[in-house]
Amino acid sequence: MSDSRLHEIMAQVSMIHKTLLEDGKIDDLDYVTQYLDAYESDIKEHYLTLLLQYYFQKNDIKNFKELLLLGFKFDLRMNDIKEAFLNIKTNEENVIEFLEDNVVFFKDTNYEEPLFEIYEYYQKANEDLKVALEESLELIRRNRYVCAFAYKNKDQAFAKFFINEDLLKSLSRDLPYLLK
């Protein structure tokens, strides 16, 4: 794919997203897929991949599952998990719990700001919301890279909150290079 075609796709994807947000139709996946029929297949594919990430971040489990069933996927990042976590409002199933293994095993390079925001959100939450957040929080704590980052940044206020002591012992024994 040429650079000019990529730029054209990015511009069209951006306009599609803006239009769907402005007219409030972004949450109607049937409407979105019909709307995209007017576009070339590569634009449609790029947009639906972006939309999958958007649904993940918005914790829209219904639309997220539907797009997964259509075969779309995206590279999960800590910022995506943070956004999804900040959008948990009830004790119903959420996208973090749904992608349990992906959350536990993902690797990223940006942890500090997302972990701080997750920590702050949890600290400010009422008791009912804390209960709803707990399972997702435990999945994040089971991620070896999150645990290692927290261990290496013990001076940060949020670090102790994310250290999983059992995982830390395992990392010390089996993967000590992660803790250096």
C-alpha atoms as a PDB file:
ATOM      1  CA  MET A   1       0.000   0.000   0.000  1.00  0.00           C
ATOM      2  CA  SER A   2       1.422   3.362  -0.990  1.00  0.00           C
ATOM      3  CA  ASP A   3       1.846   6.184   1.495  1.00  0.00           C
ATOM      4  CA  SER A   4      -0.668   8.313  -0.382  1.00  0.00           C
ATOM      5  CA  ARG A   5      -3.296   5.550  -0.189  1.00  0.00           C
ATOM      6  CA  LEU A   6      -2.630   5.105   3.516  1.00  0.00           C
ATOM      7  CA  HIS A   7      -3.091   8.839   4.078  1.00  0.00           C
ATOM      8  CA  GLU A   8      -6.318   8.751   2.075  1.00  0.00           C
ATOM      9  CA  ILE A   9      -7.606   5.826   4.158  1.00  0.00           C
ATOM     10  CA  MET A  10      -6.679   7.577   7.407  1.00  0.00           C
ATOM     11  CA  ALA A  11      -8.444  10.756   6.324  1.00  0.00           C
ATOM     12  CA  GLN A  12     -11.603   8.904   5.308  1.00  0.00           C
ATOM     13  CA  VAL A  13     -11.585   6.794   8.483  1.00  0.00           C
ATOM     14  CA  SER A  14     -11.285   9.978  10.517  1.00  0.00           C
ATOM     15  CA  MET A  15     -14.232  11.576   8.698  1.00  0.00           C
ATOM     16  CA  ILE A  16     -16.367   8.454   9.084  1.00  0.00           C
ATOM     17  CA  HIS A  17     -15.657   8.334  12.814  1.00  0.00           C
ATOM     18  CA  LYS A  18     -16.397  12.029  13.265  1.00  0.00           C
ATOM     19  CA  THR A  19     -19.669  11.730  11.344  1.00  0.00           C
ATOM     20  CA  LEU A  20     -20.833   8.691  13.317  1.00  0.00           C
ATOM     21  CA  LEU A  21     -19.977  10.374  16.617  1.00  0.00           C
ATOM     22  CA  GLU A  22     -21.743  13.600  15.656  1.00  0.00           C
ATOM     23  CA  ASP A  23     -24.952  11.923  14.488  1.00  0.00           C
ATOM     24  CA  GLY A  24     -24.975   9.568  17.495  1.00  0.00           C
ATOM     25  CA  LYS A  25     -25.083   6.437  15.344  1.00  0.00           C
ATOM     26  CA  ILE A  26     -21.726   5.008  16.420  1.00  0.00           C
ATOM     27  CA  ASP A  27     -23.344   2.647  18.936  1.00  0.00           C
ATOM     28  CA  ASP A  28     -25.672   1.149  16.299  1.00  0.00           C
ATOM     29  CA  LEU A  29     -23.401  -1.428  14.698  1.00  0.00           C
ATOM     30  CA  ASP A  30     -26.015  -2.445  12.114  1.00  0.00           C
ATOM     31  CA  TYR A  31     -26.278   1.173  10.979  1.00  0.00           C
ATOM     32  CA  VAL A  32     -22.479   1.530  10.940  1.00  0.00           C
ATOM     33  CA  THR A  33     -21.947  -1.544   8.770  1.00  0.00           C
ATOM     34  CA  GLN A  34     -24.659  -0.411   6.336  1.00  0.00           C
ATOM     35  CA  TYR A  35     -23.150   3.079   6.276  1.00  0.00           C
ATOM     36  CA  LEU A  36     -19.739   1.591   5.460  1.00  0.00           C
ATOM     37  CA  ASP A  37     -21.102  -0.297   2.446  1.00  0.00           C
ATOM     38  CA  ALA A  38     -20.616   2.923   0.464  1.00  0.00           C
ATOM     39  CA  TYR A  39     -16.846   2.753   1.026  1.00  0.00           C
ATOM     40  CA  GLU A  40     -14.077   0.630  -0.447  1.00  0.00           C
ATOM     41  CA  SER A  41     -13.234  -2.578   1.407  1.00  0.00           C
ATOM     42  CA  ASP A  42      -9.848  -1.389   2.723  1.00  0.00           C
ATOM     43  CA  ILE A  43     -11.424   1.720   4.258  1.00  0.00           C
ATOM     44  CA  LYS A  44     -14.218  -0.367   5.750  1.00  0.00           C
ATOM     45  CA  GLU A  45     -11.708  -2.841   7.216  1.00  0.00           C
ATOM     46  CA  HIS A  46      -9.528  -0.105   8.718  1.00  0.00           C
ATOM     47  CA  TYR A  47     -12.526   1.636  10.200  1.00  0.00           C
ATOM     48  CA  LEU A  48     -14.002  -1.506  11.750  1.00  0.00           C
ATOM     49  CA  THR A  49     -10.628  -2.274  13.345  1.00  0.00           C
ATOM     50  CA  LEU A  50     -10.578   1.233  14.823  1.00  0.00           C
ATOM     51  CA  LEU A  51     -14.200   0.798  15.904  1.00  0.00           C
ATOM     52  CA  LEU A  52     -13.342  -2.426  17.737  1.00  0.00           C
ATOM     53  CA  GLN A  53     -10.734  -0.533  19.739  1.00  0.00           C
ATOM     54  CA  TYR A  54     -13.246   2.285  20.341  1.00  0.00           C
ATOM     55  CA  TYR A  55     -15.858  -0.193  21.643  1.00  0.00           C
ATOM     56  CA  PHE A  56     -13.235  -1.755  23.911  1.00  0.00           C
ATOM     57  CA  GLN A  57     -12.281   1.615  25.359  1.00  0.00           C
ATOM     58  CA  LYS A  58     -15.940   2.558  25.871  1.00  0.00           C
ATOM     59  CA  ASN A  59     -16.575  -0.826  27.520  1.00  0.00           C
ATOM     60  CA  ASP A  60     -19.329  -1.529  24.980  1.00  0.00           C
ATOM     61  CA  ILE A  61     -19.311  -5.300  25.442  1.00  0.00           C
ATOM     62  CA  LYS A  62     -22.221  -6.014  23.077  1.00  0.00           C
ATOM     63  CA  ASN A  63     -20.777  -4.249  20.028  1.00  0.00           C
ATOM     64  CA  PHE A  64     -17.261  -5.379  20.921  1.00  0.00           C
ATOM     65  CA  LYS A  65     -18.314  -9.042  20.843  1.00  0.00           C
ATOM     66  CA  GLU A  66     -20.172  -8.565  17.550  1.00  0.00           C
ATOM     67  CA  LEU A  67     -17.104  -7.114  15.841  1.00  0.00           C
ATOM     68  CA  LEU A  68     -14.910  -9.875  17.256  1.00  0.00           C
ATOM     69  CA  LEU A  69     -17.288 -12.413  15.743  1.00  0.00           C
ATOM     70  CA  LEU A  70     -16.763 -10.713  12.387  1.00  0.00           C
ATOM     71  CA  GLY A  71     -13.042 -11.458  12.742  1.00  0.00           C
ATOM     72  CA  PHE A  72     -11.677  -8.051  13.681  1.00  0.00           C
ATOM     73  CA  LYS A  73      -8.904  -7.578  16.220  1.00  0.00           C
ATOM     74  CA  PHE A  74      -6.552  -4.878  17.456  1.00  0.00           C
ATOM     75  CA  ASP A  75      -3.322  -4.658  19.439  1.00  0.00           C
ATOM     76  CA  LEU A  76      -4.249  -4.182  23.077  1.00  0.00           C
ATOM     77  CA  ARG A  77      -2.359  -1.435  24.919  1.00  0.00           C
ATOM     78  CA  MET A  78      -2.325  -0.198  28.483  1.00  0.00           C
ATOM     79  CA  ASN A  79      -4.154   2.984  27.453  1.00  0.00           C
ATOM     80  CA  ASP A  80      -6.975   0.845  26.033  1.00  0.00           C
ATOM     81  CA  ILE A  81      -7.248  -1.048  29.311  1.00  0.00           C
ATOM     82  CA  LYS A  82      -7.208   2.202  31.271  1.00  0.00           C
ATOM     83  CA  GLU A  83     -10.010   3.693  29.146  1.00  0.00           C
ATOM     84  CA  ALA A  84     -12.095   0.531  29.469  1.00  0.00           C
ATOM     85  CA  PHE A  85     -11.505   0.449  33.234  1.00  0.00           C
ATOM     86  CA  LEU A  86     -12.583   4.083  33.576  1.00  0.00           C
ATOM     87  CA  ASN A  87     -15.795   3.173  31.748  1.00  0.00           C
ATOM     88  CA  ILE A  88     -16.823   0.367  34.106  1.00  0.00           C
ATOM     89  CA  LYS A  89     -19.917   1.609  35.891  1.00  0.00           C
ATOM     90  CA  THR A  90     -21.732  -1.588  36.907  1.00  0.00           C
ATOM     91  CA  ASN A  91     -21.021  -5.132  38.032  1.00  0.00           C
ATOM     92  CA  GLU A  92     -22.075  -6.530  34.639  1.00  0.00           C
ATOM     93  CA  GLU A  93     -19.574  -8.298  32.383  1.00  0.00           C
ATOM     94  CA  ASN A  94     -17.059  -5.890  30.901  1.00  0.00           C
ATOM     95  CA  VAL A  95     -14.505  -6.009  28.094  1.00  0.00           C
ATOM     96  CA  ILE A  96     -11.546  -6.433  30.447  1.00  0.00           C
ATOM     97  CA  GLU A  97     -13.067  -9.537  32.006  1.00  0.00           C
ATOM     98  CA  PHE A  98     -14.113 -10.787  28.573  1.00  0.00           C
ATOM     99  CA  LEU A  99     -10.515 -10.548  27.275  1.00  0.00           C
ATOM    100  CA  GLU A 100      -9.090 -11.989  30.481  1.00  0.00           C
ATOM    101  CA  ASP A 101      -6.086 -13.811  28.996  1.00  0.00           C
ATOM    102  CA  ASN A 102      -5.198 -10.897  26.725  1.00  0.00           C
ATOM    103  CA  VAL A 103      -5.189  -8.539  29.721  1.00  0.00           C
ATOM    104  CA  VAL A 104      -3.086 -10.872  31.837  1.00  0.00           C
ATOM    105  CA  PHE A 105      -0.463 -11.455  29.132  1.00  0.00           C
ATOM    106  CA  PHE A 106      -0.200  -8.198  27.164  1.00  0.00           C
ATOM    107  CA  LYS A 107       3.037  -6.212  27.086  1.00  0.00           C
ATOM    108  CA  ASP A 108       3.391  -2.479  26.551  1.00  0.00           C
ATOM    109  CA  THR A 109       5.880   0.312  27.159  1.00  0.00           C
ATOM    110  CA  ASN A 110       3.507   2.860  28.696  1.00  0.00           C
ATOM    111  CA  TYR A 111       2.398   1.963  32.213  1.00  0.00           C
ATOM    112  CA  GLU A 112       2.904   4.944  34.499  1.00  0.00           C
ATOM    113  CA  GLU A 113       0.093   7.305  33.454  1.00  0.00           C
ATOM    114  CA  PRO A 114      -2.514   4.577  32.848  1.00  0.00           C
ATOM    115  CA  LEU A 115      -1.790   2.837  36.168  1.00  0.00           C
ATOM    116  CA  PHE A 116      -1.929   6.154  38.003  1.00  0.00           C
ATOM    117  CA  GLU A 117      -5.330   6.967  36.460  1.00  0.00           C
ATOM    118  CA  ILE A 118      -6.699   3.484  37.247  1.00  0.00           C
ATOM    119  CA  TYR A 119      -5.473   3.863  40.824  1.00  0.00           C
ATOM    120  CA  GLU A 120      -7.046   7.328  41.178  1.00  0.00           C
ATOM    121  CA  TYR A 121     -10.359   6.168  39.685  1.00  0.00           C
ATOM    122  CA  TYR A 122     -10.502   3.242  42.102  1.00  0.00           C
ATOM    123  CA  GLN A 123      -9.573   5.385  45.108  1.00  0.00           C
ATOM    124  CA  LYS A 124     -12.338   7.904  44.330  1.00  0.00           C
ATOM    125  CA  ALA A 125     -14.987   5.253  43.599  1.00  0.00           C
ATOM    126  CA  ASN A 126     -17.834   4.544  45.988  1.00  0.00           C
ATOM    127  CA  GLU A 127     -17.990   1.106  47.612  1.00  0.00           C
ATOM    128  CA  ASP A 128     -20.468  -0.313  45.066  1.00  0.00           C
ATOM    129  CA  LEU A 129     -18.293   0.731  42.160  1.00  0.00           C
ATOM    130  CA  LYS A 130     -15.176  -0.661  43.876  1.00  0.00           C
ATOM    131  CA  VAL A 131     -16.906  -4.050  44.003  1.00  0.00           C
ATOM    132  CA  ALA A 132     -17.663  -3.799  40.276  1.00  0.00           C
ATOM    133  CA  LEU A 133     -14.036  -2.875  39.527  1.00  0.00           C
ATOM    134  CA  GLU A 134     -12.389  -5.554  41.651  1.00  0.00           C
ATOM    135  CA  GLU A 135     -12.336  -8.440  39.149  1.00  0.00           C
ATOM    136  CA  SER A 136     -10.898  -6.286  36.374  1.00  0.00           C
ATOM    137  CA  LEU A 137      -8.361  -4.866  38.791  1.00  0.00           C
ATOM    138  CA  GLU A 138      -7.245  -8.370  39.757  1.00  0.00           C
ATOM    139  CA  LEU A 139      -6.703  -9.233  36.086  1.00  0.00           C
ATOM    140  CA  ILE A 140      -4.508  -6.154  35.672  1.00  0.00           C
ATOM    141  CA  ARG A 141      -2.554  -7.112  38.799  1.00  0.00           C
ATOM    142  CA  ARG A 142      -1.943 -10.594  37.364  1.00  0.00           C
ATOM    143  CA  ASN A 143      -0.029  -9.117  34.419  1.00  0.00           C
ATOM    144  CA  ARG A 144       3.676  -9.776  34.956  1.00  0.00           C
ATOM    145  CA  TYR A 145       4.727  -6.550  33.230  1.00  0.00           C
ATOM    146  CA  VAL A 146       2.402  -4.424  35.362  1.00  0.00           C
ATOM    147  CA  CYS A 147       3.735  -6.128  38.490  1.00  0.00           C
ATOM    148  CA  ALA A 148       7.350  -5.635  37.396  1.00  0.00           C
ATOM    149  CA  PHE A 149       6.729  -1.980  36.537  1.00  0.00           C
ATOM    150  CA  ALA A 150       5.104  -1.388  39.927  1.00  0.00           C
ATOM    151  CA  TYR A 151       7.996  -3.121  41.683  1.00  0.00           C
ATOM    152  CA  LYS A 152      10.584  -1.018  39.836  1.00  0.00           C
ATOM    153  CA  ASN A 153       8.656   2.169  40.649  1.00  0.00           C
ATOM    154  CA  LYS A 154       7.933   1.563  44.335  1.00  0.00           C
ATOM    155  CA  ASP A 155       8.309   5.258  45.073  1.00  0.00           C
ATOM    156  CA  GLN A 156       5.120   6.032  43.104  1.00  0.00           C
ATOM    157  CA  ALA A 157       1.936   6.265  45.192  1.00  0.00           C
ATOM    158  CA  PHE A 158       0.114   3.740  43.024  1.00  0.00           C
ATOM    159  CA  ALA A 159       2.888   1.135  42.827  1.00  0.00           C
ATOM    160  CA  LYS A 160       2.089  -0.807  45.996  1.00  0.00           C
ATOM    161  CA  PHE A 161      -1.536  -0.992  44.847  1.00  0.00           C
ATOM    162  CA  PHE A 162      -0.532  -2.974  41.729  1.00  0.00           C
ATOM    163  CA  ILE A 163       2.115  -5.283  43.180  1.00  0.00           C
ATOM    164  CA  ASN A 164       0.910  -8.862  43.265  1.00  0.00           C
ATOM    165  CA  GLU A 165       3.122 -10.458  45.953  1.00  0.00           C
ATOM    166  CA  ASP A 166       2.675 -14.046  44.691  1.00  0.00           C
ATOM    167  CA  LEU A 167       3.466 -13.002  41.127  1.00  0.00           C
ATOM    168  CA  LEU A 168       6.428 -10.963  42.363  1.00  0.00           C
ATOM    169  CA  LYS A 169       7.893 -14.047  44.080  1.00  0.00           C
ATOM    170  CA  SER A 170       7.424 -16.039  40.904  1.00  0.00           C
ATOM    171  CA  LEU A 171       9.068 -13.315  38.803  1.00  0.00           C
ATOM    172  CA  SER A 172      12.002 -13.096  41.243  1.00  0.00           C
ATOM    173  CA  ARG A 173      12.542 -16.824  40.907  1.00  0.00           C
ATOM    174  CA  ASP A 174      11.722 -17.437  37.218  1.00  0.00           C
ATOM    175  CA  LEU A 175      12.150 -14.116  35.387  1.00  0.00           C
ATOM    176  CA  PRO A 176      14.440 -11.941  37.526  1.00  0.00           C
ATOM    177  CA  TYR A 177      15.519  -9.858  34.520  1.00  0.00           C
ATOM    178  CA  LEU A 178      12.024  -8.294  34.463  1.00  0.00           C
ATOM    179  CA  LEU A 179      12.655  -6.790  37.882  1.00  0.00           C
ATOM    180  CA  LYS A 180      15.958  -5.091  37.025  1.00  0.00           C
END
